[in-house]
Amino acid sequence: MAPGTVEERREEQTETVPKKLPKGVVLGPDGKPCRSCTSVASWFAMAKKSPSDATTTSATTTTPTPTYPSDCPPDVEQLGRSSWTLLHSITAQYPESPSPQLQSETKTFMHTFSKLYPCWHCATDFQTWMKKDGNAPRVSSREEFGRWMCEAHNAVNVKIGKKEFDCTKWEERWRTGWKDGRCG
């Protein structure tokens, strides 16, 4: 155990965290800002840096978007995009008729993923969502798993104010490519 009383350690942790945190900064279970749960913009606001201190500007926007160098740990947005890409790609390659063993392993994977996800707040939220009626992983076929993953993703999109995706198009988006041929 660390030296000092629990109260002394709590006071020490409090001293390292600003009294008033910018919007979007999520504290971890240790009471300190959670890198995996907080966006780059919120980190810059917390550090009182200007977004121009580290930015990229896309050809379609004129407003700089704060970014970390590519060799820094991911923020909540990059982590989320990467995780959804991985999960949807898994569903796209999932067998049309998986064995009972693979179905069991897939359910276990989804539950384990929800416990190991680096953003503790997101992980807890996903665990809670999966426990609700009708939200347990549906893995008896590729189609069922793909739609379930889309529904899970849409549940998150709704919570963060993003547009829902049309789940009838999950396979085009993640497996076969769009019918207009733009994916080659």
C-alpha atoms as a PDB file:
ATOM      1  CA  MET A   1       0.000   0.000   0.000  1.00  0.00           C
ATOM      2  CA  ALA A   2       1.209   3.551  -0.734  1.00  0.00           C
ATOM      3  CA  PRO A   3       2.539   5.568   2.188  1.00  0.00           C
ATOM      4  CA  GLY A   4       0.096   7.882   3.988  1.00  0.00           C
ATOM      5  CA  THR A   5      -3.514   7.501   4.943  1.00  0.00           C
ATOM      6  CA  VAL A   6      -6.339   7.053   2.465  1.00  0.00           C
ATOM      7  CA  GLU A   7      -7.334  10.672   3.188  1.00  0.00           C
ATOM      8  CA  GLU A   8      -3.797  11.951   2.434  1.00  0.00           C
ATOM      9  CA  ARG A   9      -3.688  10.019  -0.863  1.00  0.00           C
ATOM     10  CA  ARG A  10      -7.141  11.362  -1.813  1.00  0.00           C
ATOM     11  CA  GLU A  11      -5.967  14.943  -1.126  1.00  0.00           C
ATOM     12  CA  GLU A  12      -2.827  14.328  -3.208  1.00  0.00           C
ATOM     13  CA  GLN A  13      -4.926  13.058  -6.154  1.00  0.00           C
ATOM     14  CA  THR A  14      -7.257  16.050  -5.877  1.00  0.00           C
ATOM     15  CA  GLU A  15      -4.307  18.443  -6.072  1.00  0.00           C
ATOM     16  CA  THR A  16      -3.260  17.033  -9.479  1.00  0.00           C
ATOM     17  CA  VAL A  17      -6.721  17.479 -11.027  1.00  0.00           C
ATOM     18  CA  PRO A  18      -7.951  20.978 -11.897  1.00  0.00           C
ATOM     19  CA  LYS A  19     -10.889  22.088  -9.730  1.00  0.00           C
ATOM     20  CA  LYS A  20     -13.154  22.852 -12.719  1.00  0.00           C
ATOM     21  CA  LEU A  21     -12.782  20.540 -15.679  1.00  0.00           C
ATOM     22  CA  PRO A  22     -13.687  21.494 -19.245  1.00  0.00           C
ATOM     23  CA  LYS A  23     -16.713  19.872 -20.843  1.00  0.00           C
ATOM     24  CA  GLY A  24     -15.935  16.371 -22.093  1.00  0.00           C
ATOM     25  CA  VAL A  25     -13.182  15.529 -19.609  1.00  0.00           C
ATOM     26  CA  VAL A  26     -14.060  12.228 -17.956  1.00  0.00           C
ATOM     27  CA  LEU A  27     -12.421  11.233 -14.709  1.00  0.00           C
ATOM     28  CA  GLY A  28     -11.210   7.695 -14.230  1.00  0.00           C
ATOM     29  CA  PRO A  29     -11.909   5.547 -11.175  1.00  0.00           C
ATOM     30  CA  ASP A  30      -8.716   7.000  -9.674  1.00  0.00           C
ATOM     31  CA  GLY A  31     -10.200  10.519  -9.834  1.00  0.00           C
ATOM     32  CA  LYS A  32      -7.756  11.681 -12.505  1.00  0.00           C
ATOM     33  CA  PRO A  33      -8.675  12.572 -16.101  1.00  0.00           C
ATOM     34  CA  CYS A  34      -9.031   9.405 -18.194  1.00  0.00           C
ATOM     35  CA  ARG A  35      -7.086   9.655 -21.462  1.00  0.00           C
ATOM     36  CA  SER A  36      -9.118   6.872 -23.114  1.00  0.00           C
ATOM     37  CA  CYS A  37     -12.423   8.516 -22.163  1.00  0.00           C
ATOM     38  CA  THR A  38     -11.611  12.111 -23.120  1.00  0.00           C
ATOM     39  CA  SER A  39     -11.381  13.787 -26.544  1.00  0.00           C
ATOM     40  CA  VAL A  40      -8.276  15.596 -27.760  1.00  0.00           C
ATOM     41  CA  ALA A  41     -10.171  18.915 -27.752  1.00  0.00           C
ATOM     42  CA  SER A  42     -11.047  18.435 -24.078  1.00  0.00           C
ATOM     43  CA  TRP A  43      -7.414  17.587 -23.235  1.00  0.00           C
ATOM     44  CA  PHE A  44      -6.257  20.793 -24.906  1.00  0.00           C
ATOM     45  CA  ALA A  45      -8.918  22.769 -23.049  1.00  0.00           C
ATOM     46  CA  MET A  46      -7.845  21.210 -19.767  1.00  0.00           C
ATOM     47  CA  ALA A  47      -4.190  22.009 -20.481  1.00  0.00           C
ATOM     48  CA  LYS A  48      -5.290  25.503 -21.582  1.00  0.00           C
ATOM     49  CA  LYS A  49      -3.518  25.064 -24.907  1.00  0.00           C
ATOM     50  CA  SER A  50      -4.834  26.533 -28.072  1.00  0.00           C
ATOM     51  CA  PRO A  51      -6.062  24.022 -30.665  1.00  0.00           C
ATOM     52  CA  SER A  52      -3.536  25.639 -33.028  1.00  0.00           C
ATOM     53  CA  ASP A  53      -0.756  24.199 -30.850  1.00  0.00           C
ATOM     54  CA  ALA A  54      -1.293  20.821 -32.530  1.00  0.00           C
ATOM     55  CA  THR A  55      -3.790  20.668 -35.343  1.00  0.00           C
ATOM     56  CA  THR A  56      -4.595  19.274 -38.701  1.00  0.00           C
ATOM     57  CA  THR A  57      -6.864  20.917 -41.218  1.00  0.00           C
ATOM     58  CA  SER A  58      -8.767  18.878 -43.746  1.00  0.00           C
ATOM     59  CA  ALA A  59      -9.326  20.110 -47.294  1.00  0.00           C
ATOM     60  CA  THR A  60     -13.093  20.273 -46.676  1.00  0.00           C
ATOM     61  CA  THR A  61     -13.000  22.254 -43.424  1.00  0.00           C
ATOM     62  CA  THR A  62     -11.538  25.559 -42.454  1.00  0.00           C
ATOM     63  CA  THR A  63     -11.713  25.008 -38.701  1.00  0.00           C
ATOM     64  CA  PRO A  64      -8.624  23.281 -37.320  1.00  0.00           C
ATOM     65  CA  THR A  65      -9.309  20.073 -35.434  1.00  0.00           C
ATOM     66  CA  PRO A  66      -7.002  19.438 -32.505  1.00  0.00           C
ATOM     67  CA  THR A  67      -5.043  16.229 -32.851  1.00  0.00           C
ATOM     68  CA  TYR A  68      -2.192  14.583 -31.062  1.00  0.00           C
ATOM     69  CA  PRO A  69       0.812  13.338 -32.980  1.00  0.00           C
ATOM     70  CA  SER A  70       0.135   9.871 -34.409  1.00  0.00           C
ATOM     71  CA  ASP A  71       2.445   8.213 -31.890  1.00  0.00           C
ATOM     72  CA  CYS A  72       0.376   9.357 -28.868  1.00  0.00           C
ATOM     73  CA  PRO A  73      -2.223   7.186 -27.128  1.00  0.00           C
ATOM     74  CA  PRO A  74      -5.668   7.435 -28.775  1.00  0.00           C
ATOM     75  CA  ASP A  75      -8.352   9.728 -27.424  1.00  0.00           C
ATOM     76  CA  VAL A  76     -11.936   8.530 -26.938  1.00  0.00           C
ATOM     77  CA  GLU A  77     -12.959   9.410 -30.512  1.00  0.00           C
ATOM     78  CA  GLN A  78     -10.049   7.650 -32.224  1.00  0.00           C
ATOM     79  CA  LEU A  79     -10.440   4.672 -29.911  1.00  0.00           C
ATOM     80  CA  GLY A  80     -14.163   4.480 -30.688  1.00  0.00           C
ATOM     81  CA  ARG A  81     -13.705   4.690 -34.470  1.00  0.00           C
ATOM     82  CA  SER A  82     -10.986   2.035 -34.410  1.00  0.00           C
ATOM     83  CA  SER A  83     -12.987  -0.260 -32.147  1.00  0.00           C
ATOM     84  CA  TRP A  84     -16.151  -0.037 -34.240  1.00  0.00           C
ATOM     85  CA  THR A  85     -14.103  -0.704 -37.391  1.00  0.00           C
ATOM     86  CA  LEU A  86     -12.668  -3.840 -35.791  1.00  0.00           C
ATOM     87  CA  LEU A  87     -16.021  -5.068 -34.448  1.00  0.00           C
ATOM     88  CA  HIS A  88     -17.926  -4.472 -37.692  1.00  0.00           C
ATOM     89  CA  SER A  89     -15.117  -6.135 -39.655  1.00  0.00           C
ATOM     90  CA  ILE A  90     -15.390  -9.180 -37.388  1.00  0.00           C
ATOM     91  CA  THR A  91     -19.132  -9.414 -38.078  1.00  0.00           C
ATOM     92  CA  ALA A  92     -18.484  -9.074 -41.821  1.00  0.00           C
ATOM     93  CA  GLN A  93     -16.226 -12.138 -41.770  1.00  0.00           C
ATOM     94  CA  TYR A  94     -18.331 -14.131 -39.327  1.00  0.00           C
ATOM     95  CA  PRO A  95     -19.616 -17.423 -40.790  1.00  0.00           C
ATOM     96  CA  GLU A  96     -23.116 -17.569 -42.260  1.00  0.00           C
ATOM     97  CA  SER A  97     -23.764 -20.677 -40.128  1.00  0.00           C
ATOM     98  CA  PRO A  98     -21.352 -20.670 -37.177  1.00  0.00           C
ATOM     99  CA  SER A  99     -20.875 -23.750 -35.040  1.00  0.00           C
ATOM    100  CA  PRO A 100     -22.391 -23.766 -31.541  1.00  0.00           C
ATOM    101  CA  GLN A 101     -18.856 -23.519 -30.153  1.00  0.00           C
ATOM    102  CA  LEU A 102     -18.073 -20.386 -32.205  1.00  0.00           C
ATOM    103  CA  GLN A 103     -21.378 -18.836 -31.162  1.00  0.00           C
ATOM    104  CA  SER A 104     -20.492 -19.414 -27.523  1.00  0.00           C
ATOM    105  CA  GLU A 105     -16.970 -18.047 -27.999  1.00  0.00           C
ATOM    106  CA  THR A 106     -18.332 -14.974 -29.798  1.00  0.00           C
ATOM    107  CA  LYS A 107     -20.722 -14.181 -26.943  1.00  0.00           C
ATOM    108  CA  THR A 108     -17.839 -14.607 -24.504  1.00  0.00           C
ATOM    109  CA  PHE A 109     -15.658 -12.339 -26.658  1.00  0.00           C
ATOM    110  CA  MET A 110     -18.260  -9.561 -26.699  1.00  0.00           C
ATOM    111  CA  HIS A 111     -18.704  -9.729 -22.921  1.00  0.00           C
ATOM    112  CA  THR A 112     -14.931  -9.801 -22.377  1.00  0.00           C
ATOM    113  CA  PHE A 113     -14.423  -6.935 -24.854  1.00  0.00           C
ATOM    114  CA  SER A 114     -16.933  -4.866 -22.882  1.00  0.00           C
ATOM    115  CA  LYS A 115     -14.928  -5.450 -19.705  1.00  0.00           C
ATOM    116  CA  LEU A 116     -11.501  -4.765 -21.210  1.00  0.00           C
ATOM    117  CA  TYR A 117     -12.440  -1.689 -23.255  1.00  0.00           C
ATOM    118  CA  PRO A 118      -9.976   1.088 -22.320  1.00  0.00           C
ATOM    119  CA  CYS A 119     -12.611   3.785 -21.699  1.00  0.00           C
ATOM    120  CA  TRP A 120     -14.109   2.586 -18.409  1.00  0.00           C
ATOM    121  CA  HIS A 121     -17.199   4.790 -18.842  1.00  0.00           C
ATOM    122  CA  CYS A 122     -17.872   3.428 -22.345  1.00  0.00           C
ATOM    123  CA  ALA A 123     -17.208  -0.129 -21.152  1.00  0.00           C
ATOM    124  CA  THR A 124     -19.687   0.144 -18.292  1.00  0.00           C
ATOM    125  CA  ASP A 125     -22.272   1.686 -20.590  1.00  0.00           C
ATOM    126  CA  PHE A 126     -21.879  -1.142 -23.142  1.00  0.00           C
ATOM    127  CA  GLN A 127     -22.127  -3.797 -20.406  1.00  0.00           C
ATOM    128  CA  THR A 128     -25.333  -2.186 -19.145  1.00  0.00           C
ATOM    129  CA  TRP A 129     -26.772  -1.985 -22.675  1.00  0.00           C
ATOM    130  CA  MET A 130     -26.042  -5.690 -23.327  1.00  0.00           C
ATOM    131  CA  LYS A 131     -27.869  -6.679 -20.100  1.00  0.00           C
ATOM    132  CA  LYS A 132     -31.123  -5.035 -21.220  1.00  0.00           C
ATOM    133  CA  ASP A 133     -33.824  -7.253 -22.745  1.00  0.00           C
ATOM    134  CA  GLY A 134     -33.086  -8.034 -26.385  1.00  0.00           C
ATOM    135  CA  ASN A 135     -29.560  -6.635 -26.320  1.00  0.00           C
ATOM    136  CA  ALA A 136     -27.549  -9.779 -25.563  1.00  0.00           C
ATOM    137  CA  PRO A 137     -25.211 -10.593 -28.459  1.00  0.00           C
ATOM    138  CA  ARG A 138     -27.108 -12.340 -31.268  1.00  0.00           C
ATOM    139  CA  VAL A 139     -24.625 -14.591 -33.021  1.00  0.00           C
ATOM    140  CA  SER A 140     -26.501 -17.464 -34.699  1.00  0.00           C
ATOM    141  CA  SER A 141     -25.594 -16.151 -38.190  1.00  0.00           C
ATOM    142  CA  ARG A 142     -23.556 -13.468 -39.934  1.00  0.00           C
ATOM    143  CA  GLU A 143     -26.723 -11.524 -40.751  1.00  0.00           C
ATOM    144  CA  GLU A 144     -27.958 -11.638 -37.156  1.00  0.00           C
ATOM    145  CA  PHE A 145     -24.570 -10.676 -35.711  1.00  0.00           C
ATOM    146  CA  GLY A 146     -24.094  -7.866 -38.236  1.00  0.00           C
ATOM    147  CA  ARG A 147     -27.491  -6.358 -37.438  1.00  0.00           C
ATOM    148  CA  TRP A 148     -26.899  -6.730 -33.700  1.00  0.00           C
ATOM    149  CA  MET A 149     -23.556  -4.922 -34.002  1.00  0.00           C
ATOM    150  CA  CYS A 150     -25.217  -2.165 -36.020  1.00  0.00           C
ATOM    151  CA  GLU A 151     -27.913  -1.806 -33.345  1.00  0.00           C
ATOM    152  CA  ALA A 152     -25.232  -1.627 -30.637  1.00  0.00           C
ATOM    153  CA  HIS A 153     -23.352   1.030 -32.607  1.00  0.00           C
ATOM    154  CA  ASN A 154     -26.572   3.001 -33.165  1.00  0.00           C
ATOM    155  CA  ALA A 155     -27.319   2.921 -29.430  1.00  0.00           C
ATOM    156  CA  VAL A 156     -23.980   4.666 -28.878  1.00  0.00           C
ATOM    157  CA  ASN A 157     -24.579   7.066 -31.782  1.00  0.00           C
ATOM    158  CA  VAL A 158     -27.883   8.163 -30.228  1.00  0.00           C
ATOM    159  CA  LYS A 159     -26.209   8.777 -26.854  1.00  0.00           C
ATOM    160  CA  ILE A 160     -23.476  10.948 -28.361  1.00  0.00           C
ATOM    161  CA  GLY A 161     -25.783  12.833 -30.721  1.00  0.00           C
ATOM    162  CA  LYS A 162     -24.740  11.220 -33.987  1.00  0.00           C
ATOM    163  CA  LYS A 163     -27.013  10.094 -36.785  1.00  0.00           C
ATOM    164  CA  GLU A 164     -28.195   6.474 -36.724  1.00  0.00           C
ATOM    165  CA  PHE A 165     -27.020   4.158 -39.496  1.00  0.00           C
ATOM    166  CA  ASP A 166     -29.556   2.225 -41.594  1.00  0.00           C
ATOM    167  CA  CYS A 167     -28.928  -1.319 -40.347  1.00  0.00           C
ATOM    168  CA  THR A 168     -30.376  -2.825 -43.529  1.00  0.00           C
ATOM    169  CA  LYS A 169     -27.147  -1.616 -45.187  1.00  0.00           C
ATOM    170  CA  TRP A 170     -24.644  -3.026 -42.677  1.00  0.00           C
ATOM    171  CA  GLU A 171     -23.350  -5.672 -45.085  1.00  0.00           C
ATOM    172  CA  GLU A 172     -22.727  -3.173 -47.888  1.00  0.00           C
ATOM    173  CA  ARG A 173     -20.858  -0.891 -45.502  1.00  0.00           C
ATOM    174  CA  TRP A 174     -18.724  -3.548 -43.829  1.00  0.00           C
ATOM    175  CA  ARG A 175     -18.564  -6.602 -46.094  1.00  0.00           C
ATOM    176  CA  THR A 176     -19.406  -6.306 -49.787  1.00  0.00           C
ATOM    177  CA  GLY A 177     -18.933  -2.604 -50.471  1.00  0.00           C
ATOM    178  CA  TRP A 178     -21.493  -0.154 -51.793  1.00  0.00           C
ATOM    179  CA  LYS A 179     -23.626  -1.108 -54.771  1.00  0.00           C
ATOM    180  CA  ASP A 180     -22.484   1.989 -56.673  1.00  0.00           C
ATOM    181  CA  GLY A 181     -19.049   0.364 -57.031  1.00  0.00           C
ATOM    182  CA  ARG A 182     -17.018   3.063 -55.266  1.00  0.00           C
ATOM    183  CA  CYS A 183     -15.317   0.438 -53.113  1.00  0.00           C
ATOM    184  CA  GLY A 184     -13.786  -1.348 -56.093  1.00  0.00           C
END
